[in-house]
C-alpha atoms as a PDB file:
ATOM      1  CA  MET A   1     -90.528  80.044  -0.556  1.00  0.00           C
ATOM      2  CA  PRO A   2     -88.070  79.830   2.364  1.00  0.00           C
ATOM      3  CA  THR A   3     -84.706  78.300   1.548  1.00  0.00           C
ATOM      4  CA  PRO A   4     -84.611  74.690   2.751  1.00  0.00           C
ATOM      5  CA  THR A   5     -81.437  74.600   4.837  1.00  0.00           C
ATOM      6  CA  SER A   6     -81.740  71.128   6.357  1.00  0.00           C
ATOM      7  CA  ASN A   7     -83.999  68.093   6.762  1.00  0.00           C
ATOM      8  CA  ARG A   8     -84.664  67.894   3.018  1.00  0.00           C
ATOM      9  CA  VAL A   9     -86.132  64.912   1.173  1.00  0.00           C
ATOM     10  CA  VAL A  10     -85.052  64.762  -2.469  1.00  0.00           C
ATOM     11  CA  VAL A  11     -86.016  62.130  -5.001  1.00  0.00           C
ATOM     12  CA  TYR A  12     -84.828  61.484  -8.554  1.00  0.00           C
ATOM     13  CA  LEU A  13     -87.483  60.990 -11.214  1.00  0.00           C
ATOM     14  CA  GLN A  14     -86.237  59.286 -14.373  1.00  0.00           C
ATOM     15  CA  ASP A  15     -88.675  56.460 -14.977  1.00  0.00           C
ATOM     16  CA  GLN A  16     -91.984  58.320 -15.031  1.00  0.00           C
ATOM     17  CA  SER A  17     -94.322  55.346 -14.837  1.00  0.00           C
ATOM     18  CA  GLN A  18     -95.427  56.148 -11.279  1.00  0.00           C
ATOM     19  CA  ASN A  19     -95.327  59.938 -11.231  1.00  0.00           C
ATOM     20  CA  GLY A  20     -99.090  59.944 -10.763  1.00  0.00           C
ATOM     21  CA  LEU A  21     -98.359  59.027  -7.145  1.00  0.00           C
ATOM     22  CA  LEU A  22     -96.412  62.236  -6.555  1.00  0.00           C
ATOM     23  CA  PRO A  23     -99.395  64.289  -5.283  1.00  0.00           C
ATOM     24  CA  GLN A  24     -99.573  61.964  -2.293  1.00  0.00           C
ATOM     25  CA  CYS A  25     -95.931  62.850  -1.491  1.00  0.00           C
ATOM     26  CA  TYR A  26     -95.917  66.624  -1.782  1.00  0.00           C
ATOM     27  CA  GLN A  27     -95.890  67.280   1.966  1.00  0.00           C
ATOM     28  CA  ASN A  28     -92.952  64.912   2.390  1.00  0.00           C
ATOM     29  CA  LEU A  29     -90.779  66.044  -0.537  1.00  0.00           C
ATOM     30  CA  THR A  30     -88.468  69.035  -0.739  1.00  0.00           C
ATOM     31  CA  ALA A  31     -87.396  68.579  -4.343  1.00  0.00           C
ATOM     32  CA  ILE A  32     -87.764  66.432  -7.444  1.00  0.00           C
ATOM     33  CA  ASN A  33     -84.632  66.007  -9.545  1.00  0.00           C
ATOM     34  CA  LEU A  34     -85.915  65.357 -13.055  1.00  0.00           C
ATOM     35  CA  SER A  35     -83.474  63.060 -14.831  1.00  0.00           C
ATOM     36  CA  SER A  36     -81.534  63.180 -17.032  1.00  0.00           C
ATOM     37  CA  PHE A  37     -80.655  66.037 -19.395  1.00  0.00           C
ATOM     38  CA  HIS A  38     -77.983  65.728 -22.086  1.00  0.00           C
ATOM     39  CA  PHE A  39     -76.854  67.560 -25.219  1.00  0.00           C
ATOM     40  CA  GLY A  40     -76.463  66.495 -28.820  1.00  0.00           C
ATOM     41  CA  PHE A  41     -76.731  67.362 -32.486  1.00  0.00           C
ATOM     42  CA  ASP A  42     -79.470  66.372 -34.913  1.00  0.00           C
ATOM     43  CA  GLY A  43     -77.374  66.740 -38.025  1.00  0.00           C
ATOM     44  CA  PRO A  44     -76.069  70.299 -37.723  1.00  0.00           C
ATOM     45  CA  THR A  45     -78.773  71.320 -35.241  1.00  0.00           C
ATOM     46  CA  PRO A  46     -77.843  71.409 -31.528  1.00  0.00           C
ATOM     47  CA  TYR A  47     -80.460  70.400 -28.985  1.00  0.00           C
ATOM     48  CA  ILE A  48     -81.000  69.384 -25.358  1.00  0.00           C
ATOM     49  CA  HIS A  49     -82.849  66.203 -24.535  1.00  0.00           C
ATOM     50  CA  LEU A  50     -84.540  64.668 -21.512  1.00  0.00           C
ATOM     51  CA  ASN A  51     -83.453  61.055 -21.675  1.00  0.00           C
ATOM     52  CA  ASN A  52     -84.029  60.343 -25.390  1.00  0.00           C
ATOM     53  CA  ASN A  53     -86.478  63.086 -26.362  1.00  0.00           C
ATOM     54  CA  VAL A  54     -86.582  66.849 -26.537  1.00  0.00           C
ATOM     55  CA  PRO A  55     -88.448  68.458 -23.605  1.00  0.00           C
ATOM     56  CA  SER A  56     -91.174  69.760 -25.938  1.00  0.00           C
ATOM     57  CA  ASP A  57     -92.060  66.264 -27.144  1.00  0.00           C
ATOM     58  CA  PRO A  58     -95.810  65.607 -26.637  1.00  0.00           C
ATOM     59  CA  MET A  59     -94.896  62.511 -24.625  1.00  0.00           C
ATOM     60  CA  PHE A  60     -93.893  64.875 -21.778  1.00  0.00           C
ATOM     61  CA  HIS A  61     -97.138  66.850 -21.674  1.00  0.00           C
ATOM     62  CA  THR A  62     -98.442  65.016 -18.603  1.00  0.00           C
ATOM     63  CA  LEU A  63     -95.028  65.201 -16.965  1.00  0.00           C
ATOM     64  CA  TRP A  64     -94.848  68.995 -17.208  1.00  0.00           C
ATOM     65  CA  THR A  65     -98.400  69.293 -15.903  1.00  0.00           C
ATOM     66  CA  ASN A  66     -97.473  67.137 -12.909  1.00  0.00           C
ATOM     67  CA  MET A  67     -94.248  69.049 -12.297  1.00  0.00           C
ATOM     68  CA  ALA A  68     -96.125  72.360 -12.277  1.00  0.00           C
ATOM     69  CA  SER A  69     -98.589  70.900  -9.777  1.00  0.00           C
ATOM     70  CA  ALA A  70     -95.708  69.789  -7.553  1.00  0.00           C
ATOM     71  CA  GLN A  71     -94.230  73.286  -7.602  1.00  0.00           C
ATOM     72  CA  GLN A  72     -97.593  74.831  -6.766  1.00  0.00           C
ATOM     73  CA  ASN A  73     -97.622  72.574  -3.721  1.00  0.00           C
ATOM     74  CA  GLY A  74     -94.213  73.711  -2.510  1.00  0.00           C
ATOM     75  CA  VAL A  75     -91.927  71.103  -4.101  1.00  0.00           C
ATOM     76  CA  LEU A  76     -88.819  72.406  -5.875  1.00  0.00           C
ATOM     77  CA  LEU A  77     -88.091  71.199  -9.422  1.00  0.00           C
ATOM     78  CA  PHE A  78     -84.498  70.546 -10.486  1.00  0.00           C
ATOM     79  CA  ALA A  79     -83.021  69.578 -13.848  1.00  0.00           C
ATOM     80  CA  MET A  80     -80.463  66.832 -13.315  1.00  0.00           C
ATOM     81  CA  LEU A  81     -77.653  67.399 -15.777  1.00  0.00           C
ATOM     82  CA  GLY A  82     -75.447  64.457 -16.669  1.00  0.00           C
ATOM     83  CA  GLY A  83     -75.223  61.153 -14.875  1.00  0.00           C
ATOM     84  CA  ALA A  84     -74.040  57.903 -16.364  1.00  0.00           C
ATOM     85  CA  GLY A  85     -74.888  59.017 -19.901  1.00  0.00           C
ATOM     86  CA  GLY A  86     -72.617  62.040 -19.734  1.00  0.00           C
ATOM     87  CA  ALA A  87     -73.415  65.613 -20.789  1.00  0.00           C
ATOM     88  CA  TYR A  88     -70.484  67.767 -19.776  1.00  0.00           C
ATOM     89  CA  THR A  89     -68.040  66.851 -22.538  1.00  0.00           C
ATOM     90  CA  GLU A  90     -70.572  67.986 -25.137  1.00  0.00           C
ATOM     91  CA  LEU A  91     -71.520  71.044 -23.086  1.00  0.00           C
ATOM     92  CA  PHE A  92     -68.000  72.340 -22.621  1.00  0.00           C
ATOM     93  CA  GLN A  93     -66.761  71.455 -26.109  1.00  0.00           C
ATOM     94  CA  ASN A  94     -69.595  73.579 -27.534  1.00  0.00           C
ATOM     95  CA  TYR A  95     -70.280  75.862 -24.604  1.00  0.00           C
ATOM     96  CA  SER A  96     -71.289  78.990 -26.530  1.00  0.00           C
ATOM     97  CA  THR A  97     -73.834  76.847 -28.378  1.00  0.00           C
ATOM     98  CA  PHE A  98     -75.230  74.662 -25.605  1.00  0.00           C
ATOM     99  CA  TYR A  99     -75.252  76.960 -22.586  1.00  0.00           C
ATOM    100  CA  PRO A 100     -77.882  79.317 -24.107  1.00  0.00           C
ATOM    101  CA  ILE A 101     -80.020  76.267 -24.942  1.00  0.00           C
ATOM    102  CA  LEU A 102     -79.728  75.031 -21.350  1.00  0.00           C
ATOM    103  CA  LYS A 103     -80.555  78.485 -19.995  1.00  0.00           C
ATOM    104  CA  GLN A 104     -83.654  78.805 -22.165  1.00  0.00           C
ATOM    105  CA  MET A 105     -84.867  75.323 -21.250  1.00  0.00           C
ATOM    106  CA  LEU A 106     -84.563  76.131 -17.537  1.00  0.00           C
ATOM    107  CA  ILE A 107     -86.569  79.309 -18.061  1.00  0.00           C
ATOM    108  CA  THR A 108     -89.202  77.735 -20.314  1.00  0.00           C
ATOM    109  CA  TYR A 109     -90.038  74.941 -17.879  1.00  0.00           C
ATOM    110  CA  ARG A 110     -89.605  77.120 -14.787  1.00  0.00           C
ATOM    111  CA  PHE A 111     -87.002  75.041 -13.019  1.00  0.00           C
ATOM    112  CA  ASP A 112     -86.014  76.031  -9.489  1.00  0.00           C
ATOM    113  CA  GLY A 113     -82.486  74.720  -9.855  1.00  0.00           C
ATOM    114  CA  VAL A 114     -79.930  72.452 -11.491  1.00  0.00           C
ATOM    115  CA  ASP A 115     -78.414  69.287 -10.079  1.00  0.00           C
ATOM    116  CA  LEU A 116     -74.887  68.616 -11.359  1.00  0.00           C
ATOM    117  CA  ASP A 117     -74.272  64.869 -11.622  1.00  0.00           C
ATOM    118  CA  ILE A 118     -70.773  64.725 -13.086  1.00  0.00           C
ATOM    119  CA  GLU A 119     -69.596  61.260 -14.093  1.00  0.00           C
ATOM    120  CA  GLU A 120     -66.952  62.192 -16.665  1.00  0.00           C
ATOM    121  CA  PHE A 121     -63.823  64.338 -16.675  1.00  0.00           C
ATOM    122  CA  VAL A 122     -64.559  68.013 -16.059  1.00  0.00           C
ATOM    123  CA  SER A 123     -61.918  70.652 -15.451  1.00  0.00           C
ATOM    124  CA  PRO A 124     -62.308  72.886 -12.387  1.00  0.00           C
ATOM    125  CA  ALA A 125     -62.218  75.954 -14.644  1.00  0.00           C
ATOM    126  CA  ASP A 126     -65.111  74.699 -16.778  1.00  0.00           C
ATOM    127  CA  LEU A 127     -67.195  73.809 -13.740  1.00  0.00           C
ATOM    128  CA  GLN A 128     -66.582  77.233 -12.221  1.00  0.00           C
ATOM    129  CA  MET A 129     -67.599  78.860 -15.502  1.00  0.00           C
ATOM    130  CA  LEU A 130     -70.903  76.962 -15.529  1.00  0.00           C
ATOM    131  CA  ILE A 131     -71.679  77.768 -11.892  1.00  0.00           C
ATOM    132  CA  SER A 132     -70.777  81.435 -12.373  1.00  0.00           C
ATOM    133  CA  ASP A 133     -72.964  81.756 -15.451  1.00  0.00           C
ATOM    134  CA  LEU A 134     -75.926  80.139 -13.703  1.00  0.00           C
ATOM    135  CA  ARG A 135     -75.507  82.445 -10.713  1.00  0.00           C
ATOM    136  CA  ARG A 136     -75.343  85.444 -13.059  1.00  0.00           C
ATOM    137  CA  ASP A 137     -78.336  84.484 -15.196  1.00  0.00           C
ATOM    138  CA  PHE A 138     -80.789  83.301 -12.536  1.00  0.00           C
ATOM    139  CA  PRO A 139     -82.198  84.888  -9.373  1.00  0.00           C
ATOM    140  CA  SER A 140     -80.814  84.364  -5.902  1.00  0.00           C
ATOM    141  CA  ASN A 141     -83.445  81.731  -5.097  1.00  0.00           C
ATOM    142  CA  PHE A 142     -82.272  79.499  -7.961  1.00  0.00           C
ATOM    143  CA  TYR A 143     -80.498  76.486  -6.495  1.00  0.00           C
ATOM    144  CA  ILE A 144     -77.376  74.674  -7.659  1.00  0.00           C
ATOM    145  CA  THR A 145     -76.781  71.248  -6.172  1.00  0.00           C
ATOM    146  CA  ALA A 146     -74.347  68.440  -6.968  1.00  0.00           C
ATOM    147  CA  ALA A 147     -74.453  64.660  -6.725  1.00  0.00           C
ATOM    148  CA  PRO A 148     -70.948  63.308  -6.091  1.00  0.00           C
ATOM    149  CA  VAL A 149     -70.256  59.864  -4.682  1.00  0.00           C
ATOM    150  CA  ALA A 150     -69.363  59.751  -0.985  1.00  0.00           C
ATOM    151  CA  MET A 151     -65.749  58.820  -1.736  1.00  0.00           C
ATOM    152  CA  ALA A 152     -65.291  62.093  -3.633  1.00  0.00           C
ATOM    153  CA  LEU A 153     -66.024  64.178  -0.527  1.00  0.00           C
ATOM    154  CA  LYS A 154     -64.181  61.842   1.843  1.00  0.00           C
ATOM    155  CA  THR A 155     -60.933  61.875  -0.135  1.00  0.00           C
ATOM    156  CA  GLY A 156     -60.993  65.230  -1.928  1.00  0.00           C
ATOM    157  CA  SER A 157     -60.762  63.494  -5.301  1.00  0.00           C
ATOM    158  CA  ASP A 158     -63.844  62.521  -7.289  1.00  0.00           C
ATOM    159  CA  PRO A 159     -63.166  59.134  -8.930  1.00  0.00           C
ATOM    160  CA  LEU A 160     -65.931  59.690 -11.488  1.00  0.00           C
ATOM    161  CA  ALA A 161     -65.002  63.258 -12.433  1.00  0.00           C
ATOM    162  CA  GLY A 162     -61.285  63.081 -13.127  1.00  0.00           C
ATOM    163  CA  GLY A 163     -60.231  63.792  -9.555  1.00  0.00           C
ATOM    164  CA  LEU A 164     -62.318  66.933  -9.119  1.00  0.00           C
ATOM    165  CA  ASN A 165     -62.063  68.363  -5.591  1.00  0.00           C
ATOM    166  CA  TRP A 166     -65.550  69.460  -4.540  1.00  0.00           C
ATOM    167  CA  SER A 167     -64.277  71.316  -1.481  1.00  0.00           C
ATOM    168  CA  HIS A 168     -63.224  74.120  -3.850  1.00  0.00           C
ATOM    169  CA  PHE A 169     -66.860  74.574  -4.862  1.00  0.00           C
ATOM    170  CA  LYS A 170     -68.807  73.940  -1.667  1.00  0.00           C
ATOM    171  CA  GLN A 171     -69.423  77.657  -1.078  1.00  0.00           C
ATOM    172  CA  ASN A 172     -71.260  77.776  -4.418  1.00  0.00           C
ATOM    173  CA  ILE A 173     -73.245  74.547  -3.982  1.00  0.00           C
ATOM    174  CA  ASP A 174     -76.491  74.781  -2.018  1.00  0.00           C
ATOM    175  CA  TRP A 175     -76.369  71.113  -1.008  1.00  0.00           C
ATOM    176  CA  PHE A 176     -74.838  67.806  -2.026  1.00  0.00           C
ATOM    177  CA  ASN A 177     -77.046  64.839  -2.969  1.00  0.00           C
ATOM    178  CA  VAL A 178     -74.316  62.405  -1.971  1.00  0.00           C
ATOM    179  CA  GLN A 179     -74.379  58.902  -3.455  1.00  0.00           C
ATOM    180  CA  PHE A 180     -73.701  56.489  -0.589  1.00  0.00           C
ATOM    181  CA  TYR A 181     -73.860  53.393  -2.814  1.00  0.00           C
ATOM    182  CA  SER A 182     -72.258  51.535  -5.758  1.00  0.00           C
ATOM    183  CA  GLY A 183     -69.172  50.787  -3.691  1.00  0.00           C
ATOM    184  CA  TYR A 184     -68.341  54.466  -3.088  1.00  0.00           C
ATOM    185  CA  GLY A 185     -69.940  54.718   0.352  1.00  0.00           C
ATOM    186  CA  SER A 186     -72.774  53.325   2.429  1.00  0.00           C
ATOM    187  CA  LEU A 187     -75.517  54.325   4.845  1.00  0.00           C
ATOM    188  CA  SER A 188     -75.322  50.992   6.623  1.00  0.00           C
ATOM    189  CA  SER A 189     -73.699  53.024   9.405  1.00  0.00           C
ATOM    190  CA  THR A 190     -72.879  56.661  10.148  1.00  0.00           C
ATOM    191  CA  SER A 191     -69.153  56.317   9.465  1.00  0.00           C
ATOM    192  CA  ASP A 192     -68.986  57.506   5.840  1.00  0.00           C
ATOM    193  CA  PHE A 193     -71.177  60.533   6.569  1.00  0.00           C
ATOM    194  CA  ASN A 194     -69.012  61.393   9.577  1.00  0.00           C
ATOM    195  CA  GLU A 195     -65.850  61.172   7.483  1.00  0.00           C
ATOM    196  CA  ILE A 196     -67.303  63.713   5.057  1.00  0.00           C
ATOM    197  CA  VAL A 197     -68.128  66.130   7.874  1.00  0.00           C
ATOM    198  CA  ALA A 198     -64.585  65.631   9.183  1.00  0.00           C
ATOM    199  CA  GLN A 199     -63.344  67.018   5.846  1.00  0.00           C
ATOM    200  CA  GLY A 200     -65.025  70.350   6.588  1.00  0.00           C
ATOM    201  CA  TYR A 201     -68.437  69.934   4.980  1.00  0.00           C
ATOM    202  CA  PRO A 202     -71.335  71.167   7.135  1.00  0.00           C
ATOM    203  CA  ALA A 203     -73.666  68.341   8.137  1.00  0.00           C
ATOM    204  CA  ASN A 204     -76.652  70.345   6.888  1.00  0.00           C
ATOM    205  CA  GLN A 205     -75.102  70.541   3.403  1.00  0.00           C
ATOM    206  CA  ILE A 206     -74.933  66.737   3.040  1.00  0.00           C
ATOM    207  CA  LEU A 207     -77.897  64.600   2.051  1.00  0.00           C
ATOM    208  CA  GLY A 208     -77.625  60.893   2.699  1.00  0.00           C
ATOM    209  CA  GLY A 209     -78.341  59.398  -0.703  1.00  0.00           C
ATOM    210  CA  ALA A 210     -79.399  55.760  -1.001  1.00  0.00           C
ATOM    211  CA  LEU A 211     -80.870  53.433  -3.575  1.00  0.00           C
ATOM    212  CA  THR A 212     -84.601  53.029  -3.120  1.00  0.00           C
ATOM    213  CA  ASN A 213     -84.701  49.493  -4.511  1.00  0.00           C
ATOM    214  CA  PRO A 214     -82.025  46.785  -4.897  1.00  0.00           C
ATOM    215  CA  SER A 215     -82.687  46.664  -8.645  1.00  0.00           C
ATOM    216  CA  ASN A 216     -81.468  50.257  -9.008  1.00  0.00           C
ATOM    217  CA  GLY A 217     -77.773  49.452  -8.553  1.00  0.00           C
ATOM    218  CA  GLY A 218     -75.150  48.023  -6.268  1.00  0.00           C
ATOM    219  CA  GLY A 219     -74.756  48.631  -2.570  1.00  0.00           C
ATOM    220  CA  TYR A 220     -78.415  48.622  -1.592  1.00  0.00           C
ATOM    221  CA  VAL A 221     -79.138  49.085   2.107  1.00  0.00           C
ATOM    222  CA  ASN A 222     -82.546  48.176   3.521  1.00  0.00           C
ATOM    223  CA  ILE A 223     -84.770  51.227   3.934  1.00  0.00           C
ATOM    224  CA  SER A 224     -85.233  50.552   7.642  1.00  0.00           C
ATOM    225  CA  GLN A 225     -81.452  50.644   8.103  1.00  0.00           C
ATOM    226  CA  VAL A 226     -81.179  53.837   6.056  1.00  0.00           C
ATOM    227  CA  MET A 227     -83.785  55.373   8.351  1.00  0.00           C
ATOM    228  CA  TYR A 228     -81.896  54.215  11.444  1.00  0.00           C
ATOM    229  CA  THR A 229     -78.634  55.727  10.162  1.00  0.00           C
ATOM    230  CA  LEU A 230     -80.238  59.034   9.214  1.00  0.00           C
ATOM    231  CA  GLN A 231     -81.984  59.254  12.583  1.00  0.00           C
ATOM    232  CA  ALA A 232     -78.680  58.614  14.364  1.00  0.00           C
ATOM    233  CA  LEU A 233     -77.044  61.389  12.325  1.00  0.00           C
ATOM    234  CA  GLU A 234     -79.943  63.745  13.107  1.00  0.00           C
ATOM    235  CA  THR A 235     -79.388  63.079  16.802  1.00  0.00           C
ATOM    236  CA  GLN A 236     -75.634  63.505  16.496  1.00  0.00           C
ATOM    237  CA  TYR A 237     -75.641  66.781  14.543  1.00  0.00           C
ATOM    238  CA  GLY A 238     -78.979  68.325  15.490  1.00  0.00           C
ATOM    239  CA  SER A 239     -79.986  68.440  11.843  1.00  0.00           C
ATOM    240  CA  ILE A 240     -78.435  67.110   8.644  1.00  0.00           C
ATOM    241  CA  GLY A 241     -78.946  67.992   5.001  1.00  0.00           C
ATOM    242  CA  GLY A 242     -81.571  65.310   4.636  1.00  0.00           C
ATOM    243  CA  ALA A 243     -82.283  62.215   2.574  1.00  0.00           C
ATOM    244  CA  MET A 244     -82.004  61.502  -1.144  1.00  0.00           C
ATOM    245  CA  GLY A 245     -83.257  58.512  -3.112  1.00  0.00           C
ATOM    246  CA  TRP A 246     -82.548  57.065  -6.556  1.00  0.00           C
ATOM    247  CA  GLU A 247     -85.258  56.706  -7.759  1.00  0.00           C
ATOM    248  CA  PHE A 248     -89.000  57.228  -7.264  1.00  0.00           C
ATOM    249  CA  PHE A 249     -90.920  54.759  -9.417  1.00  0.00           C
ATOM    250  CA  ASN A 250     -89.945  51.549  -7.606  1.00  0.00           C
ATOM    251  CA  ALA A 251     -89.011  52.918  -4.174  1.00  0.00           C
ATOM    252  CA  ASN A 252     -89.439  50.557  -1.222  1.00  0.00           C
ATOM    253  CA  ASN A 253     -90.836  51.524   2.135  1.00  0.00           C
ATOM    254  CA  SER A 254     -89.291  50.465   5.449  1.00  0.00           C
ATOM    255  CA  GLY A 255     -91.165  47.173   5.212  1.00  0.00           C
ATOM    256  CA  GLU A 256     -89.327  46.460   1.938  1.00  0.00           C
ATOM    257  CA  GLN A 257     -92.520  46.669  -0.085  1.00  0.00           C
ATOM    258  CA  GLN A 258     -92.543  48.682  -3.302  1.00  0.00           C
ATOM    259  CA  ASP A 259     -94.299  51.835  -2.155  1.00  0.00           C
ATOM    260  CA  PRO A 260     -92.985  55.220  -3.379  1.00  0.00           C
ATOM    261  CA  VAL A 261     -95.447  57.108  -1.191  1.00  0.00           C
ATOM    262  CA  GLY A 262     -94.326  55.128   1.843  1.00  0.00           C
ATOM    263  CA  TRP A 263     -90.670  55.766   0.991  1.00  0.00           C
ATOM    264  CA  ALA A 264     -91.260  59.530   1.015  1.00  0.00           C
ATOM    265  CA  GLN A 265     -93.088  59.294   4.338  1.00  0.00           C
ATOM    266  CA  ASP A 266     -90.319  57.185   5.855  1.00  0.00           C
ATOM    267  CA  MET A 267     -87.561  59.542   4.723  1.00  0.00           C
ATOM    268  CA  ALA A 268     -89.441  62.595   6.010  1.00  0.00           C
ATOM    269  CA  THR A 269     -89.785  60.852   9.357  1.00  0.00           C
ATOM    270  CA  ALA A 270     -86.121  59.843   9.422  1.00  0.00           C
ATOM    271  CA  VAL A 271     -84.837  63.377   8.843  1.00  0.00           C
ATOM    272  CA  ARG A 272     -87.710  65.074  10.702  1.00  0.00           C
ATOM    273  CA  LYS A 273     -88.751  67.077   7.666  1.00  0.00           C
ATOM    274  CA  ASN A 274     -92.203  67.751   9.063  1.00  0.00           C
ATOM    275  CA  PRO A 275     -92.587  69.229  12.572  1.00  0.00           C
ATOM    276  CA  SER A 276     -95.205  66.601  13.337  1.00  0.00           C
ATOM    277  CA  SER A 277     -92.850  63.778  12.446  1.00  0.00           C
ATOM    278  CA  SER A 278     -90.784  62.022  15.072  1.00  0.00           C
ATOM    279  CA  PRO A 279     -88.113  59.337  14.631  1.00  0.00           C
ATOM    280  CA  ALA A 280     -89.372  55.779  14.614  1.00  0.00           C
END
């Protein structure tokens, strides 16, 4: 599969209640970020879990079938590691134990990449170790992405990751699923995106990430406005990294109706993912 270098549409899938709609979105999606993976111990036994259950739990049988179907239709599958529930403290405190478990899980379920959503203190040395090990252990077409808040890239100091400076890692990150919400940035205009590019990040490495529904967090921007901003950025830069949404199950379309399929179509139009699409 050719490397997607711009105009991507990425969606996070945590609540799986609507993943049956995904087949209608395949042509409009670049990647699904399956959320969220964490580490823990069951007594003395270490394990990795997807939300609250191990990946092999029978409850995920339909999920894995659907994810394989998505991949067969050209959609990349990512394991989102971390998020609000944490993961990295446990990983790095027991790295020789947990990294092999992570590696095997990625192989077993045939992931195309990992999305690093760091919302806890992580040292630059530990992050570099993780990235280096993933690059060593997986083929060249295995992707590593990250999901910092917009403020982290604008200021050079990630407020959720102990001041981590992502500019030191941008050569090893395929793209950034940037969170332009929760008070750390906004897609109500092009200004925050432009400030990130002014810090030396290529426009085609930055995805404009927005909430798909006002119930998903603070700083919601209407989907029609998100589209307008992304289209303006596409015009300004020629092509940008694309669009990202948190999350799929209750995503609104540009008419502010809950419609995950419509959301994917609208985002593909906004970032011109498909050659037949044109800005509204």
